[in-house]
Amino acid sequence: MTLCNADGLYCAGGELSAKWRISRVPLDEVQGVEVSVLWHTEGKGDEDLNVHHFQRVAEHQLRRIGLADEQVIHCVLPRTPLSYHGRLISLQWCVRLRLFMVTGREIVAEQPFHLVSEEMARPHSLAPDRLAVTLPRANGKPRGNVLEPAPAS
């Protein structure tokens, strides 16, 4: 399973695309596949789970499309809840792929991603030509690299 945004960041209200395919499993051993986009919480208290997008591929559909061919899932993401990683609780988004085997066994794979606000997804508001890097000075003033606006020319 591969997310189409390599950094794993998706904007709230934006579109998610992911590609999936199944290898090393014979087609006649698979009864069905479910692909879903969901969030779940971890941490103190009860754990919650909510499925935002769900797609089931039945056995007869699998025979038509095949397992090894790359498939794509698309959905529009909600505006909330945003991904959150705190000390007591975390909220994690993921794309989940579940294989249902004819033996009754299930195989589950998840690809996590981060749902962020539009502000977090936006690049720095200053244009690159207006930025300068201040290097550490010998007299011990600023330590480390500091990004700040460049003086107007």
Protein backbone atom coordinates (compact mmCIF):
# COMPACT_ATOMS: atom_id res chain seq x y z
CA MET A 1 0.00 0.00 0.00
CA THR A 2 1.39 3.40 -0.99
CA LEU A 3 0.13 6.88 -0.20
CA CYS A 4 0.26 9.31 -3.11
CA ASN A 5 1.71 12.05 -0.83
CA ALA A 6 5.19 10.81 -0.01
CA ASP A 7 5.37 12.91 3.20
CA GLY A 8 2.12 11.38 4.51
CA LEU A 9 0.55 14.81 5.13
CA TYR A 10 -2.98 15.39 3.90
CA CYS A 11 -4.93 18.62 4.26
CA ALA A 12 -8.27 18.53 6.08
CA GLY A 13 -11.02 18.72 3.47
CA GLY A 14 -8.56 17.67 0.75
CA GLU A 15 -8.30 14.53 -1.33
CA LEU A 16 -6.52 11.33 -0.38
CA SER A 17 -5.25 8.88 -2.97
CA ALA A 18 -3.54 5.60 -2.19
CA LYS A 19 -2.48 2.64 -4.31
CA TRP A 20 -2.68 -0.98 -3.24
CA ARG A 21 -2.04 -4.43 -4.63
CA ILE A 22 -1.64 -7.89 -3.21
CA SER A 23 1.31 -10.12 -3.95
CA ARG A 24 2.42 -13.56 -2.78
CA VAL A 25 -1.14 -14.66 -2.06
CA PRO A 26 -2.91 -16.94 -4.56
CA LEU A 27 -6.20 -15.54 -5.84
CA ASP A 28 -8.09 -18.75 -5.04
CA GLU A 29 -7.20 -18.34 -1.32
CA VAL A 30 -8.77 -14.86 -1.01
CA GLN A 31 -12.49 -14.52 -0.31
CA GLY A 32 -12.64 -10.71 -0.26
CA VAL A 33 -10.79 -7.47 0.39
CA GLU A 34 -11.79 -4.38 2.34
CA VAL A 35 -10.05 -1.03 1.91
CA SER A 36 -10.93 1.73 4.34
CA VAL A 37 -9.81 5.16 5.48
CA LEU A 38 -10.26 5.54 9.22
CA TRP A 39 -9.06 7.10 12.42
CA HIS A 40 -8.55 5.56 15.83
CA THR A 41 -7.45 6.77 19.23
CA GLU A 42 -4.86 5.24 21.53
CA GLY A 43 -3.98 6.06 25.10
CA LYS A 44 -5.84 6.64 28.35
CA GLY A 45 -9.51 5.73 28.53
CA ASP A 46 -11.63 4.06 25.89
CA GLU A 47 -10.21 3.68 22.41
CA ASP A 48 -12.40 5.01 19.61
CA LEU A 49 -12.48 4.08 15.94
CA ASN A 50 -14.40 5.69 13.09
CA VAL A 51 -14.43 4.58 9.45
CA HIS A 52 -14.56 7.54 7.08
CA HIS A 53 -14.43 5.69 3.72
CA PHE A 54 -15.11 2.00 3.03
CA GLN A 55 -14.78 -0.13 -0.07
CA ARG A 56 -15.37 -3.90 -0.27
CA VAL A 57 -14.10 -5.98 -3.17
CA ALA A 58 -15.93 -9.31 -3.33
CA GLU A 59 -14.45 -12.57 -4.59
CA HIS A 60 -16.06 -12.30 -8.05
CA GLN A 61 -14.70 -8.73 -8.44
CA LEU A 62 -11.23 -9.91 -7.41
CA ARG A 63 -11.28 -12.54 -10.15
CA ARG A 64 -12.10 -9.82 -12.68
CA ILE A 65 -9.49 -7.24 -11.55
CA GLY A 66 -6.82 -9.62 -10.24
CA LEU A 67 -4.70 -9.25 -7.14
CA ALA A 68 -1.34 -8.23 -8.61
CA ASP A 69 -2.71 -5.28 -10.60
CA GLU A 70 -2.38 -1.96 -8.80
CA GLN A 71 -5.69 -0.56 -7.53
CA VAL A 72 -6.39 2.99 -6.40
CA ILE A 73 -8.55 4.35 -3.60
CA HIS A 74 -9.72 8.00 -3.62
CA CYS A 75 -11.74 9.91 -1.06
CA VAL A 76 -12.33 13.44 0.16
CA LEU A 77 -11.11 13.77 3.73
CA PRO A 78 -13.17 15.46 6.45
CA ARG A 79 -12.14 18.71 8.13
CA THR A 80 -11.94 17.02 11.55
CA PRO A 81 -10.70 15.31 13.61
CA LEU A 82 -7.09 16.26 12.94
CA SER A 83 -4.20 13.95 13.76
CA TYR A 84 -3.01 14.46 17.30
CA HIS A 85 -0.17 12.97 19.36
CA GLY A 86 -0.33 13.93 23.01
CA ARG A 87 0.90 12.45 26.27
CA LEU A 88 -2.44 10.93 27.26
CA ILE A 89 -4.10 10.30 23.92
CA SER A 90 -3.27 10.10 20.24
CA LEU A 91 -5.55 10.22 17.23
CA GLN A 92 -4.12 8.42 14.19
CA TRP A 93 -5.48 8.29 10.63
CA CYS A 94 -4.68 5.36 8.33
CA VAL A 95 -5.60 3.49 5.19
CA ARG A 96 -6.39 -0.11 6.16
CA LEU A 97 -6.38 -3.12 3.85
CA ARG A 98 -8.03 -6.34 5.13
CA LEU A 99 -7.81 -9.63 3.28
CA PHE A 100 -10.38 -12.28 4.12
CA MET A 101 -8.97 -15.72 3.40
CA VAL A 102 -11.12 -18.77 2.53
CA THR A 103 -9.66 -20.43 5.65
CA GLY A 104 -11.32 -17.80 7.84
CA ARG A 105 -8.02 -16.07 8.57
CA GLU A 106 -7.72 -12.27 8.17
CA ILE A 107 -4.62 -10.35 7.12
CA VAL A 108 -4.54 -6.64 7.98
CA ALA A 109 -2.10 -3.97 6.74
CA GLU A 110 -2.24 -0.28 7.68
CA GLN A 111 -0.55 2.78 6.21
CA PRO A 112 -0.72 5.71 8.65
CA PHE A 113 -0.95 9.32 7.51
CA HIS A 114 -1.44 12.73 9.14
CA LEU A 115 -4.57 14.82 8.65
CA VAL A 116 -3.49 18.43 9.22
CA SER A 117 -5.13 21.86 9.04
CA GLU A 118 -4.71 24.07 5.99
CA GLU A 119 -2.46 26.37 8.03
CA MET A 120 -0.11 23.53 8.91
CA ALA A 121 0.01 22.36 5.30
CA ARG A 122 0.82 25.85 3.96
CA PRO A 123 4.47 26.70 3.27
CA HIS A 124 6.12 29.54 5.19
CA SER A 125 4.39 32.85 4.39
CA LEU A 126 7.64 34.64 3.53
CA ALA A 127 9.00 34.25 0.02
CA PRO A 128 12.32 32.32 -0.17
CA ASP A 129 14.17 35.38 -1.49
CA ARG A 130 13.17 37.28 1.67
CA LEU A 131 14.77 34.73 4.02
CA ALA A 132 18.29 34.71 5.37
CA VAL A 133 20.13 32.32 7.63
CA THR A 134 21.92 33.80 10.66
CA LEU A 135 24.90 31.65 11.57
CA PRO A 136 26.37 31.34 15.09
CA ARG A 137 28.73 34.21 15.90
CA ALA A 138 32.14 33.89 17.42
CA ASN A 139 31.15 36.21 20.28
CA GLY A 140 28.65 33.61 21.49
CA LYS A 141 25.42 35.49 20.71
CA PRO A 142 22.99 33.41 18.57
CA ARG A 143 23.74 29.68 18.74
CA GLY A 144 22.53 27.43 15.92
CA ASN A 145 20.93 28.39 12.63
CA VAL A 146 18.05 30.83 12.89
CA LEU A 147 15.67 31.55 10.01
CA GLU A 148 14.62 35.18 9.91
CA PRO A 149 13.47 37.81 7.39
CA ALA A 150 16.27 39.30 5.33
CA PRO A 151 16.75 43.06 5.46
CA ALA A 152 14.97 44.94 2.68
CA SER A 153 17.28 45.96 -0.14
